[in-house]
Amino acid sequence: MSKKILVVDDEADIRKFLTVLLKKGGYETVEAEDGAKALATAAQEKPDLIILDLQMPNKTGTDFYRKLAKDNTLGKIPVIVVSGVPGRHLAIKKPVAVFDKPINPEEFLATVDKALS
């Protein structure tokens, strides 16, 4: 059974790029375009990993992460930050990794593989 990854980004082209890349890597994906929808999707889908943009409308990635972290089950899901926001490495506690946009596809997939192994 393949691992499920939630891709959270307000930019449709970034979500599509990450989804295609992750599917080529053998992963199942679900998407959300803002933090509010991401929280509902995470609760429903129970992903194994979350790829998170920080700057989005309707709840930022940081707001989403704060709520996620308070949940006993969802708070254990590892998070990889993909963002162009300055200070992104400080936005959430203990991310698996932090990637600047645009990302290096090979390095990104290697990090995802490692996070899910």
PDB file of N, CA and C in Angstrom:
ATOM      1  N   MET A   1       0.846  -1.188   0.000  1.00  0.00           N
ATOM      2  CA  MET A   1       0.000   0.000   0.000  1.00  0.00           C
ATOM      3  C   MET A   1       0.883   1.241   0.000  1.00  0.00           C
ATOM      4  N   SER A   2       0.622   2.154  -0.919  1.00  0.00           N
ATOM      5  CA  SER A   2       1.464   3.343  -1.007  1.00  0.00           C
ATOM      6  C   SER A   2       1.113   4.340   0.098  1.00  0.00           C
ATOM      7  N   LYS A   3       2.087   5.130   0.451  1.00  0.00           N
ATOM      8  CA  LYS A   3       1.912   6.156   1.482  1.00  0.00           C
ATOM      9  C   LYS A   3       1.137   7.326   0.892  1.00  0.00           C
ATOM     10  N   LYS A   4       0.343   7.976   1.738  1.00  0.00           N
ATOM     11  CA  LYS A   4      -0.488   9.098   1.308  1.00  0.00           C
ATOM     12  C   LYS A   4       0.135  10.411   1.784  1.00  0.00           C
ATOM     13  N   ILE A   5       0.202  11.376   0.872  1.00  0.00           N
ATOM     14  CA  ILE A   5       0.795  12.676   1.176  1.00  0.00           C
ATOM     15  C   ILE A   5      -0.220  13.776   0.880  1.00  0.00           C
ATOM     16  N   LEU A   6      -0.391  14.680   1.833  1.00  0.00           N
ATOM     17  CA  LEU A   6      -1.247  15.852   1.664  1.00  0.00           C
ATOM     18  C   LEU A   6      -0.380  17.012   1.186  1.00  0.00           C
ATOM     19  N   VAL A   7      -0.725  17.557   0.020  1.00  0.00           N
ATOM     20  CA  VAL A   7      -0.014  18.702  -0.550  1.00  0.00           C
ATOM     21  C   VAL A   7      -0.866  19.943  -0.319  1.00  0.00           C
ATOM     22  N   VAL A   8      -0.328  20.905   0.451  1.00  0.00           N
ATOM     23  CA  VAL A   8      -1.065  22.112   0.804  1.00  0.00           C
ATOM     24  C   VAL A   8      -0.349  23.328   0.219  1.00  0.00           C
ATOM     25  N   ASP A   9      -0.973  23.948  -0.776  1.00  0.00           N
ATOM     26  CA  ASP A   9      -0.412  25.150  -1.408  1.00  0.00           C
ATOM     27  C   ASP A   9      -1.538  25.888  -2.111  1.00  0.00           C
ATOM     28  N   ASP A  10      -1.542  27.211  -2.036  1.00  0.00           N
ATOM     29  CA  ASP A  10      -2.606  27.983  -2.676  1.00  0.00           C
ATOM     30  C   ASP A  10      -2.401  28.128  -4.181  1.00  0.00           C
ATOM     31  N   GLU A  11      -1.214  27.840  -4.673  1.00  0.00           N
ATOM     32  CA  GLU A  11      -0.937  27.952  -6.106  1.00  0.00           C
ATOM     33  C   GLU A  11      -1.199  26.610  -6.788  1.00  0.00           C
ATOM     34  N   ALA A  12      -2.175  26.594  -7.702  1.00  0.00           N
ATOM     35  CA  ALA A  12      -2.571  25.355  -8.380  1.00  0.00           C
ATOM     36  C   ALA A  12      -1.411  24.728  -9.147  1.00  0.00           C
ATOM     37  N   ASP A  13      -0.567  25.550  -9.771  1.00  0.00           N
ATOM     38  CA  ASP A  13       0.545  24.991 -10.544  1.00  0.00           C
ATOM     39  C   ASP A  13       1.580  24.325  -9.649  1.00  0.00           C
ATOM     40  N   ILE A  14       1.787  24.850  -8.454  1.00  0.00           N
ATOM     41  CA  ILE A  14       2.721  24.219  -7.500  1.00  0.00           C
ATOM     42  C   ILE A  14       2.130  22.898  -7.005  1.00  0.00           C
ATOM     43  N   ARG A  15       0.838  22.908  -6.656  1.00  0.00           N
ATOM     44  CA  ARG A  15       0.188  21.663  -6.221  1.00  0.00           C
ATOM     45  C   ARG A  15       0.295  20.600  -7.299  1.00  0.00           C
ATOM     46  N   LYS A  16       0.038  20.984  -8.545  1.00  0.00           N
ATOM     47  CA  LYS A  16       0.099  20.020  -9.651  1.00  0.00           C
ATOM     48  C   LYS A  16       1.515  19.486  -9.829  1.00  0.00           C
ATOM     49  N   PHE A  17       2.508  20.376  -9.807  1.00  0.00           N
ATOM     50  CA  PHE A  17       3.906  19.961  -9.944  1.00  0.00           C
ATOM     51  C   PHE A  17       4.285  18.961  -8.853  1.00  0.00           C
ATOM     52  N   LEU A  18       3.960  19.290  -7.599  1.00  0.00           N
ATOM     53  CA  LEU A  18       4.308  18.407  -6.481  1.00  0.00           C
ATOM     54  C   LEU A  18       3.545  17.090  -6.554  1.00  0.00           C
ATOM     55  N   THR A  19       2.284  17.155  -6.939  1.00  0.00           N
ATOM     56  CA  THR A  19       1.470  15.942  -7.052  1.00  0.00           C
ATOM     57  C   THR A  19       2.028  15.008  -8.123  1.00  0.00           C
ATOM     58  N   VAL A  20       2.348  15.547  -9.281  1.00  0.00           N
ATOM     59  CA  VAL A  20       2.924  14.725 -10.360  1.00  0.00           C
ATOM     60  C   VAL A  20       4.249  14.118  -9.906  1.00  0.00           C
ATOM     61  N   LEU A  21       5.086  14.923  -9.293  1.00  0.00           N
ATOM     62  CA  LEU A  21       6.388  14.452  -8.807  1.00  0.00           C
ATOM     63  C   LEU A  21       6.215  13.328  -7.783  1.00  0.00           C
ATOM     64  N   LEU A  22       5.319  13.513  -6.838  1.00  0.00           N
ATOM     65  CA  LEU A  22       5.094  12.505  -5.798  1.00  0.00           C
ATOM     66  C   LEU A  22       4.481  11.224  -6.367  1.00  0.00           C
ATOM     67  N   LYS A  23       3.570  11.365  -7.317  1.00  0.00           N
ATOM     68  CA  LYS A  23       2.982  10.176  -7.942  1.00  0.00           C
ATOM     69  C   LYS A  23       4.032   9.396  -8.718  1.00  0.00           C
ATOM     70  N   LYS A  24       4.957  10.095  -9.387  1.00  0.00           N
ATOM     71  CA  LYS A  24       6.054   9.413 -10.078  1.00  0.00           C
ATOM     72  C   LYS A  24       6.933   8.672  -9.070  1.00  0.00           C
ATOM     73  N   GLY A  25       6.995   9.188  -7.845  1.00  0.00           N
ATOM     74  CA  GLY A  25       7.750   8.544  -6.784  1.00  0.00           C
ATOM     75  C   GLY A  25       7.009   7.389  -6.130  1.00  0.00           C
ATOM     76  N   GLY A  26       5.774   7.132  -6.575  1.00  0.00           N
ATOM     77  CA  GLY A  26       5.010   5.997  -6.064  1.00  0.00           C
ATOM     78  C   GLY A  26       4.076   6.327  -4.914  1.00  0.00           C
ATOM     79  N   TYR A  27       3.812   7.609  -4.681  1.00  0.00           N
ATOM     80  CA  TYR A  27       2.973   8.011  -3.559  1.00  0.00           C
ATOM     81  C   TYR A  27       1.569   8.384  -4.013  1.00  0.00           C
ATOM     82  N   GLU A  28       0.613   8.183  -3.117  1.00  0.00           N
ATOM     83  CA  GLU A  28      -0.758   8.648  -3.325  1.00  0.00           C
ATOM     84  C   GLU A  28      -0.811  10.077  -2.785  1.00  0.00           C
ATOM     85  N   THR A  29      -1.571  10.951  -3.429  1.00  0.00           N
ATOM     86  CA  THR A  29      -1.631  12.342  -2.964  1.00  0.00           C
ATOM     87  C   THR A  29      -3.081  12.809  -2.818  1.00  0.00           C
ATOM     88  N   VAL A  30      -3.247  13.742  -1.904  1.00  0.00           N
ATOM     89  CA  VAL A  30      -4.476  14.514  -1.762  1.00  0.00           C
ATOM     90  C   VAL A  30      -4.036  15.968  -1.663  1.00  0.00           C
ATOM     91  N   GLU A  31      -4.931  16.895  -2.019  1.00  0.00           N
ATOM     92  CA  GLU A  31      -4.543  18.303  -2.092  1.00  0.00           C
ATOM     93  C   GLU A  31      -5.499  19.197  -1.303  1.00  0.00           C
ATOM     94  N   ALA A  32      -4.952  20.349  -0.891  1.00  0.00           N
ATOM     95  CA  ALA A  32      -5.761  21.415  -0.286  1.00  0.00           C
ATOM     96  C   ALA A  32      -5.123  22.742  -0.672  1.00  0.00           C
ATOM     97  N   GLU A  33      -5.991  23.746  -0.944  1.00  0.00           N
ATOM     98  CA  GLU A  33      -5.457  25.023  -1.398  1.00  0.00           C
ATOM     99  C   GLU A  33      -5.328  26.080  -0.310  1.00  0.00           C
ATOM    100  N   ASP A  34      -5.719  25.745   0.922  1.00  0.00           N
ATOM    101  CA  ASP A  34      -5.511  26.676   2.032  1.00  0.00           C
ATOM    102  C   ASP A  34      -5.500  25.902   3.344  1.00  0.00           C
ATOM    103  N   GLY A  35      -5.144  26.595   4.405  1.00  0.00           N
ATOM    104  CA  GLY A  35      -5.024  25.945   5.703  1.00  0.00           C
ATOM    105  C   GLY A  35      -6.325  25.406   6.253  1.00  0.00           C
ATOM    106  N   ALA A  36      -7.426  26.107   5.992  1.00  0.00           N
ATOM    107  CA  ALA A  36      -8.731  25.656   6.491  1.00  0.00           C
ATOM    108  C   ALA A  36      -9.121  24.327   5.849  1.00  0.00           C
ATOM    109  N   LYS A  37      -8.984  24.238   4.533  1.00  0.00           N
ATOM    110  CA  LYS A  37      -9.311  22.993   3.837  1.00  0.00           C
ATOM    111  C   LYS A  37      -8.308  21.899   4.181  1.00  0.00           C
ATOM    112  N   ALA A  38      -7.074  22.284   4.403  1.00  0.00           N
ATOM    113  CA  ALA A  38      -6.033  21.309   4.743  1.00  0.00           C
ATOM    114  C   ALA A  38      -6.345  20.607   6.059  1.00  0.00           C
ATOM    115  N   LEU A  39      -6.848  21.338   7.019  1.00  0.00           N
ATOM    116  CA  LEU A  39      -7.178  20.741   8.314  1.00  0.00           C
ATOM    117  C   LEU A  39      -8.286  19.699   8.163  1.00  0.00           C
ATOM    118  N   ALA A  40      -9.324  20.031   7.410  1.00  0.00           N
ATOM    119  CA  ALA A  40     -10.409  19.078   7.171  1.00  0.00           C
ATOM    120  C   ALA A  40      -9.920  17.871   6.382  1.00  0.00           C
ATOM    121  N   THR A  41      -9.078  18.114   5.387  1.00  0.00           N
ATOM    122  CA  THR A  41      -8.547  17.021   4.564  1.00  0.00           C
ATOM    123  C   THR A  41      -7.650  16.106   5.391  1.00  0.00           C
ATOM    124  N   ALA A  42      -6.808  16.698   6.228  1.00  0.00           N
ATOM    125  CA  ALA A  42      -5.926  15.890   7.080  1.00  0.00           C
ATOM    126  C   ALA A  42      -6.747  15.008   8.023  1.00  0.00           C
ATOM    127  N   ALA A  43      -7.793  15.571   8.597  1.00  0.00           N
ATOM    128  CA  ALA A  43      -8.638  14.791   9.517  1.00  0.00           C
ATOM    129  C   ALA A  43      -9.341  13.651   8.789  1.00  0.00           C
ATOM    130  N   GLN A  44      -9.782  13.900   7.572  1.00  0.00           N
ATOM    131  CA  GLN A  44     -10.508  12.872   6.810  1.00  0.00           C
ATOM    132  C   GLN A  44      -9.572  11.835   6.213  1.00  0.00           C
ATOM    133  N   GLU A  45      -8.468  12.265   5.634  1.00  0.00           N
ATOM    134  CA  GLU A  45      -7.586  11.381   4.864  1.00  0.00           C
ATOM    135  C   GLU A  45      -6.477  10.717   5.681  1.00  0.00           C
ATOM    136  N   LYS A  46      -6.120  11.282   6.822  1.00  0.00           N
ATOM    137  CA  LYS A  46      -5.036  10.757   7.677  1.00  0.00           C
ATOM    138  C   LYS A  46      -3.756  10.492   6.870  1.00  0.00           C
ATOM    139  N   PRO A  47      -3.169  11.542   6.280  1.00  0.00           N
ATOM    140  CA  PRO A  47      -1.973  11.343   5.457  1.00  0.00           C
ATOM    141  C   PRO A  47      -0.774  10.896   6.289  1.00  0.00           C
ATOM    142  N   ASP A  48       0.202  10.308   5.614  1.00  0.00           N
ATOM    143  CA  ASP A  48       1.434   9.875   6.263  1.00  0.00           C
ATOM    144  C   ASP A  48       2.461  11.003   6.327  1.00  0.00           C
ATOM    145  N   LEU A  49       2.268  12.030   5.490  1.00  0.00           N
ATOM    146  CA  LEU A  49       3.197  13.169   5.396  1.00  0.00           C
ATOM    147  C   LEU A  49       2.425  14.359   4.858  1.00  0.00           C
ATOM    148  N   ILE A  50       2.831  15.557   5.276  1.00  0.00           N
ATOM    149  CA  ILE A  50       2.215  16.783   4.775  1.00  0.00           C
ATOM    150  C   ILE A  50       3.298  17.663   4.152  1.00  0.00           C
ATOM    151  N   ILE A  51       3.028  18.129   2.927  1.00  0.00           N
ATOM    152  CA  ILE A  51       3.889  19.101   2.253  1.00  0.00           C
ATOM    153  C   ILE A  51       3.157  20.433   2.403  1.00  0.00           C
ATOM    154  N   LEU A  52       3.795  21.424   3.027  1.00  0.00           N
ATOM    155  CA  LEU A  52       3.086  22.626   3.455  1.00  0.00           C
ATOM    156  C   LEU A  52       3.729  23.917   2.984  1.00  0.00           C
ATOM    157  N   ASP A  53       2.939  24.720   2.281  1.00  0.00           N
ATOM    158  CA  ASP A  53       3.301  26.105   1.973  1.00  0.00           C
ATOM    159  C   ASP A  53       2.918  26.938   3.191  1.00  0.00           C
ATOM    160  N   LEU A  54       3.581  28.056   3.406  1.00  0.00           N
ATOM    161  CA  LEU A  54       3.291  28.865   4.584  1.00  0.00           C
ATOM    162  C   LEU A  54       2.368  30.041   4.304  1.00  0.00           C
ATOM    163  N   GLN A  55       2.522  30.684   3.175  1.00  0.00           N
ATOM    164  CA  GLN A  55       1.755  31.891   2.886  1.00  0.00           C
ATOM    165  C   GLN A  55       0.572  31.555   1.985  1.00  0.00           C
ATOM    166  N   MET A  56      -0.626  31.534   2.598  1.00  0.00           N
ATOM    167  CA  MET A  56      -1.845  31.188   1.872  1.00  0.00           C
ATOM    168  C   MET A  56      -3.013  31.977   2.447  1.00  0.00           C
ATOM    169  N   PRO A  57      -4.075  32.154   1.659  1.00  0.00           N
ATOM    170  CA  PRO A  57      -5.288  32.776   2.203  1.00  0.00           C
ATOM    171  C   PRO A  57      -6.057  31.771   3.059  1.00  0.00           C
ATOM    172  N   ASN A  58      -7.046  32.256   3.797  1.00  0.00           N
ATOM    173  CA  ASN A  58      -7.919  31.386   4.614  1.00  0.00           C
ATOM    174  C   ASN A  58      -7.120  30.438   5.499  1.00  0.00           C
ATOM    175  N   LYS A  59      -6.373  30.957   6.361  1.00  0.00           N
ATOM    176  CA  LYS A  59      -5.490  30.261   7.305  1.00  0.00           C
ATOM    177  C   LYS A  59      -4.150  29.970   6.639  1.00  0.00           C
ATOM    178  N   THR A  60      -3.144  30.596   7.153  1.00  0.00           N
ATOM    179  CA  THR A  60      -1.793  30.387   6.642  1.00  0.00           C
ATOM    180  C   THR A  60      -1.313  28.988   7.006  1.00  0.00           C
ATOM    181  N   GLY A  61      -0.204  28.603   6.425  1.00  0.00           N
ATOM    182  CA  GLY A  61       0.395  27.322   6.762  1.00  0.00           C
ATOM    183  C   GLY A  61       0.779  27.245   8.228  1.00  0.00           C
ATOM    184  N   THR A  62       1.225  28.366   8.774  1.00  0.00           N
ATOM    185  CA  THR A  62       1.599  28.407  10.193  1.00  0.00           C
ATOM    186  C   THR A  62       0.367  28.206  11.070  1.00  0.00           C
ATOM    187  N   ASP A  63      -0.748  28.866  10.730  1.00  0.00           N
ATOM    188  CA  ASP A  63      -2.000  28.675  11.479  1.00  0.00           C
ATOM    189  C   ASP A  63      -2.451  27.220  11.414  1.00  0.00           C
ATOM    190  N   PHE A  64      -2.397  26.655  10.201  1.00  0.00           N
ATOM    191  CA  PHE A  64      -2.762  25.254  10.013  1.00  0.00           C
ATOM    192  C   PHE A  64      -1.902  24.358  10.904  1.00  0.00           C
ATOM    193  N   TYR A  65      -0.591  24.585  10.895  1.00  0.00           N
ATOM    194  CA  TYR A  65       0.310  23.743  11.672  1.00  0.00           C
ATOM    195  C   TYR A  65       0.025  23.842  13.173  1.00  0.00           C
ATOM    196  N   ARG A  66      -0.252  25.044  13.661  1.00  0.00           N
ATOM    197  CA  ARG A  66      -0.553  25.211  15.091  1.00  0.00           C
ATOM    198  C   ARG A  66      -1.760  24.371  15.496  1.00  0.00           C
ATOM    199  N   LYS A  67      -2.808  24.380  14.663  1.00  0.00           N
ATOM    200  CA  LYS A  67      -3.998  23.574  14.969  1.00  0.00           C
ATOM    201  C   LYS A  67      -3.705  22.087  14.832  1.00  0.00           C
ATOM    202  N   LEU A  68      -2.957  21.732  13.811  1.00  0.00           N
ATOM    203  CA  LEU A  68      -2.588  20.338  13.593  1.00  0.00           C
ATOM    204  C   LEU A  68      -1.805  19.792  14.790  1.00  0.00           C
ATOM    205  N   ALA A  69      -0.857  20.575  15.277  1.00  0.00           N
ATOM    206  CA  ALA A  69       0.018  20.144  16.367  1.00  0.00           C
ATOM    207  C   ALA A  69      -0.751  19.885  17.664  1.00  0.00           C
ATOM    208  N   LYS A  70      -1.894  20.534  17.839  1.00  0.00           N
ATOM    209  CA  LYS A  70      -2.693  20.351  19.057  1.00  0.00           C
ATOM    210  C   LYS A  70      -3.500  19.059  19.048  1.00  0.00           C
ATOM    211  N   ASP A  71      -3.645  18.447  17.880  1.00  0.00           N
ATOM    212  CA  ASP A  71      -4.410  17.211  17.760  1.00  0.00           C
ATOM    213  C   ASP A  71      -3.512  16.020  18.098  1.00  0.00           C
ATOM    214  N   ASN A  72      -3.980  15.143  18.968  1.00  0.00           N
ATOM    215  CA  ASN A  72      -3.160  14.011  19.424  1.00  0.00           C
ATOM    216  C   ASN A  72      -2.741  13.072  18.302  1.00  0.00           C
ATOM    217  N   THR A  73      -3.580  12.884  17.292  1.00  0.00           N
ATOM    218  CA  THR A  73      -3.252  11.999  16.179  1.00  0.00           C
ATOM    219  C   THR A  73      -2.592  12.752  15.038  1.00  0.00           C
ATOM    220  N   LEU A  74      -3.233  13.812  14.576  1.00  0.00           N
ATOM    221  CA  LEU A  74      -2.717  14.558  13.425  1.00  0.00           C
ATOM    222  C   LEU A  74      -1.399  15.265  13.732  1.00  0.00           C
ATOM    223  N   GLY A  75      -1.189  15.610  14.974  1.00  0.00           N
ATOM    224  CA  GLY A  75       0.039  16.302  15.368  1.00  0.00           C
ATOM    225  C   GLY A  75       1.296  15.469  15.214  1.00  0.00           C
ATOM    226  N   LYS A  76       1.131  14.165  14.994  1.00  0.00           N
ATOM    227  CA  LYS A  76       2.285  13.282  14.821  1.00  0.00           C
ATOM    228  C   LYS A  76       2.707  13.129  13.361  1.00  0.00           C
ATOM    229  N   ILE A  77       1.922  13.699  12.447  1.00  0.00           N
ATOM    230  CA  ILE A  77       2.238  13.588  11.019  1.00  0.00           C
ATOM    231  C   ILE A  77       3.442  14.475  10.704  1.00  0.00           C
ATOM    232  N   PRO A  78       4.490  13.917  10.081  1.00  0.00           N
ATOM    233  CA  PRO A  78       5.645  14.750   9.727  1.00  0.00           C
ATOM    234  C   PRO A  78       5.285  15.771   8.650  1.00  0.00           C
ATOM    235  N   VAL A  79       5.975  16.922   8.693  1.00  0.00           N
ATOM    236  CA  VAL A  79       5.699  18.031   7.785  1.00  0.00           C
ATOM    237  C   VAL A  79       6.981  18.461   7.079  1.00  0.00           C
ATOM    238  N   ILE A  80       6.885  18.650   5.769  1.00  0.00           N
ATOM    239  CA  ILE A  80       7.957  19.251   4.981  1.00  0.00           C
ATOM    240  C   ILE A  80       7.430  20.601   4.500  1.00  0.00           C
ATOM    241  N   VAL A  81       8.173  21.660   4.790  1.00  0.00           N
ATOM    242  CA  VAL A  81       7.786  23.004   4.374  1.00  0.00           C
ATOM    243  C   VAL A  81       8.382  23.291   2.999  1.00  0.00           C
ATOM    244  N   VAL A  82       7.544  23.776   2.085  1.00  0.00           N
ATOM    245  CA  VAL A  82       7.975  24.227   0.762  1.00  0.00           C
ATOM    246  C   VAL A  82       7.429  25.641   0.616  1.00  0.00           C
ATOM    247  N   SER A  83       8.325  26.633   0.751  1.00  0.00           N
ATOM    248  CA  SER A  83       7.856  28.016   0.767  1.00  0.00           C
ATOM    249  C   SER A  83       8.952  28.978   0.362  1.00  0.00           C
ATOM    250  N   GLY A  84       8.556  30.120  -0.144  1.00  0.00           N
ATOM    251  CA  GLY A  84       9.506  31.169  -0.476  1.00  0.00           C
ATOM    252  C   GLY A  84       9.533  32.270   0.574  1.00  0.00           C
ATOM    253  N   VAL A  85       8.827  32.081   1.678  1.00  0.00           N
ATOM    254  CA  VAL A  85       8.718  33.093   2.723  1.00  0.00           C
ATOM    255  C   VAL A  85      10.025  33.178   3.526  1.00  0.00           C
ATOM    256  N   PRO A  86      10.548  34.399   3.737  1.00  0.00           N
ATOM    257  CA  PRO A  86      11.733  34.538   4.595  1.00  0.00           C
ATOM    258  C   PRO A  86      11.421  34.021   6.004  1.00  0.00           C
ATOM    259  N   GLY A  87      12.396  33.400   6.637  1.00  0.00           N
ATOM    260  CA  GLY A  87      12.224  32.874   7.986  1.00  0.00           C
ATOM    261  C   GLY A  87      11.410  31.601   8.031  1.00  0.00           C
ATOM    262  N   ARG A  88      11.220  30.964   6.870  1.00  0.00           N
ATOM    263  CA  ARG A  88      10.380  29.765   6.802  1.00  0.00           C
ATOM    264  C   ARG A  88      10.880  28.648   7.710  1.00  0.00           C
ATOM    265  N   HIS A  89      12.181  28.601   7.966  1.00  0.00           N
ATOM    266  CA  HIS A  89      12.734  27.545   8.832  1.00  0.00           C
ATOM    267  C   HIS A  89      12.317  27.734  10.293  1.00  0.00           C
ATOM    268  N   LEU A  90      11.806  28.920  10.638  1.00  0.00           N
ATOM    269  CA  LEU A  90      11.386  29.200  12.006  1.00  0.00           C
ATOM    270  C   LEU A  90       9.869  29.112  12.194  1.00  0.00           C
ATOM    271  N   ALA A  91       9.137  28.940  11.112  1.00  0.00           N
ATOM    272  CA  ALA A  91       7.673  29.039  11.148  1.00  0.00           C
ATOM    273  C   ALA A  91       6.996  27.900  11.899  1.00  0.00           C
ATOM    274  N   ILE A  92       7.540  26.701  11.823  1.00  0.00           N
ATOM    275  CA  ILE A  92       6.946  25.574  12.539  1.00  0.00           C
ATOM    276  C   ILE A  92       8.042  24.823  13.300  1.00  0.00           C
ATOM    277  N   LYS A  93       7.618  24.138  14.358  1.00  0.00           N
ATOM    278  CA  LYS A  93       8.570  23.373  15.165  1.00  0.00           C
ATOM    279  C   LYS A  93       8.927  22.072  14.465  1.00  0.00           C
ATOM    280  N   LYS A  94      10.165  21.790  14.388  1.00  0.00           N
ATOM    281  CA  LYS A  94      10.698  20.511  13.923  1.00  0.00           C
ATOM    282  C   LYS A  94      10.135  19.999  12.596  1.00  0.00           C
ATOM    283  N   PRO A  95      10.230  20.786  11.537  1.00  0.00           N
ATOM    284  CA  PRO A  95       9.836  20.220  10.243  1.00  0.00           C
ATOM    285  C   PRO A  95      10.852  19.162   9.827  1.00  0.00           C
ATOM    286  N   VAL A  96      10.423  18.204   9.032  1.00  0.00           N
ATOM    287  CA  VAL A  96      11.338  17.188   8.517  1.00  0.00           C
ATOM    288  C   VAL A  96      12.414  17.869   7.671  1.00  0.00           C
ATOM    289  N   ALA A  97      11.975  18.845   6.876  1.00  0.00           N
ATOM    290  CA  ALA A  97      12.882  19.596   6.004  1.00  0.00           C
ATOM    291  C   ALA A  97      12.189  20.880   5.585  1.00  0.00           C
ATOM    292  N   VAL A  98      12.997  21.817   5.088  1.00  0.00           N
ATOM    293  CA  VAL A  98      12.476  23.082   4.579  1.00  0.00           C
ATOM    294  C   VAL A  98      13.069  23.296   3.196  1.00  0.00           C
ATOM    295  N   PHE A  99      12.197  23.482   2.202  1.00  0.00           N
ATOM    296  CA  PHE A  99      12.638  23.710   0.827  1.00  0.00           C
ATOM    297  C   PHE A  99      12.193  25.086   0.369  1.00  0.00           C
ATOM    298  N   ASP A 100      13.074  25.761  -0.327  1.00  0.00           N
ATOM    299  CA  ASP A 100      12.753  27.032  -0.955  1.00  0.00           C
ATOM    300  C   ASP A 100      12.135  26.745  -2.311  1.00  0.00           C
ATOM    301  N   LYS A 101      11.268  27.619  -2.782  1.00  0.00           N
ATOM    302  CA  LYS A 101      10.723  27.498  -4.131  1.00  0.00           C
ATOM    303  C   LYS A 101      11.647  28.227  -5.084  1.00  0.00           C
ATOM    304  N   PRO A 102      11.947  27.724  -6.235  1.00  0.00           N
ATOM    305  CA  PRO A 102      11.580  26.419  -6.759  1.00  0.00           C
ATOM    306  C   PRO A 102      12.422  25.310  -6.123  1.00  0.00           C
ATOM    307  N   ILE A 103      11.877  24.115  -6.048  1.00  0.00           N
ATOM    308  CA  ILE A 103      12.571  23.004  -5.399  1.00  0.00           C
ATOM    309  C   ILE A 103      13.370  22.186  -6.407  1.00  0.00           C
ATOM    310  N   ASN A 104      14.348  21.487  -5.869  1.00  0.00           N
ATOM    311  CA  ASN A 104      15.117  20.523  -6.656  1.00  0.00           C
ATOM    312  C   ASN A 104      14.355  19.196  -6.564  1.00  0.00           C
ATOM    313  N   PRO A 105      13.795  18.699  -7.673  1.00  0.00           N
ATOM    314  CA  PRO A 105      12.949  17.500  -7.623  1.00  0.00           C
ATOM    315  C   PRO A 105      13.632  16.267  -7.035  1.00  0.00           C
ATOM    316  N   GLU A 106      14.878  16.019  -7.402  1.00  0.00           N
ATOM    317  CA  GLU A 106      15.572  14.822  -6.909  1.00  0.00           C
ATOM    318  C   GLU A 106      15.815  14.906  -5.406  1.00  0.00           C
ATOM    319  N   GLU A 107      16.264  16.058  -4.949  1.00  0.00           N
ATOM    320  CA  GLU A 107      16.520  16.253  -3.515  1.00  0.00           C
ATOM    321  C   GLU A 107      15.208  16.164  -2.728  1.00  0.00           C
ATOM    322  N   PHE A 108      14.165  16.748  -3.282  1.00  0.00           N
ATOM    323  CA  PHE A 108      12.856  16.723  -2.634  1.00  0.00           C
ATOM    324  C   PHE A 108      12.348  15.289  -2.471  1.00  0.00           C
ATOM    325  N   LEU A 109      12.359  14.513  -3.552  1.00  0.00           N
ATOM    326  CA  LEU A 109      11.892  13.115  -3.482  1.00  0.00           C
ATOM    327  C   LEU A 109      12.742  12.282  -2.537  1.00  0.00           C
ATOM    328  N   ALA A 110      14.036  12.513  -2.532  1.00  0.00           N
ATOM    329  CA  ALA A 110      14.914  11.776  -1.602  1.00  0.00           C
ATOM    330  C   ALA A 110      14.531  12.095  -0.153  1.00  0.00           C
ATOM    331  N   THR A 111      14.203  13.348   0.122  1.00  0.00           N
ATOM    332  CA  THR A 111      13.795  13.747   1.470  1.00  0.00           C
ATOM    333  C   THR A 111      12.449  13.128   1.844  1.00  0.00           C
ATOM    334  N   VAL A 112      11.519  13.101   0.906  1.00  0.00           N
ATOM    335  CA  VAL A 112      10.216  12.467   1.140  1.00  0.00           C
ATOM    336  C   VAL A 112      10.403  10.979   1.423  1.00  0.00           C
ATOM    337  N   ASP A 113      11.211  10.313   0.596  1.00  0.00           N
ATOM    338  CA  ASP A 113      11.478   8.877   0.794  1.00  0.00           C
ATOM    339  C   ASP A 113      12.046   8.624   2.189  1.00  0.00           C
ATOM    340  N   LYS A 114      12.983   9.444   2.584  1.00  0.00           N
ATOM    341  CA  LYS A 114      13.631   9.280   3.890  1.00  0.00           C
ATOM    342  C   LYS A 114      12.614   9.522   5.030  1.00  0.00           C
ATOM    343  N   ALA A 115      11.779  10.534   4.870  1.00  0.00           N
ATOM    344  CA  ALA A 115      10.783  10.847   5.905  1.00  0.00           C
ATOM    345  C   ALA A 115       9.765   9.730   6.083  1.00  0.00           C
ATOM    346  N   LEU A 116       9.484   9.009   5.022  1.00  0.00           N
ATOM    347  CA  LEU A 116       8.469   7.953   5.063  1.00  0.00           C
ATOM    348  C   LEU A 116       9.027   6.547   5.236  1.00  0.00           C
ATOM    349  N   SER A 117      10.339   6.434   5.327  1.00  0.00           N
ATOM    350  CA  SER A 117      10.922   5.092   5.473  1.00  0.00           C
ATOM    351  C   SER A 117      10.968   4.645   6.920  1.00  0.00           C
TER     352      SER A 117
END
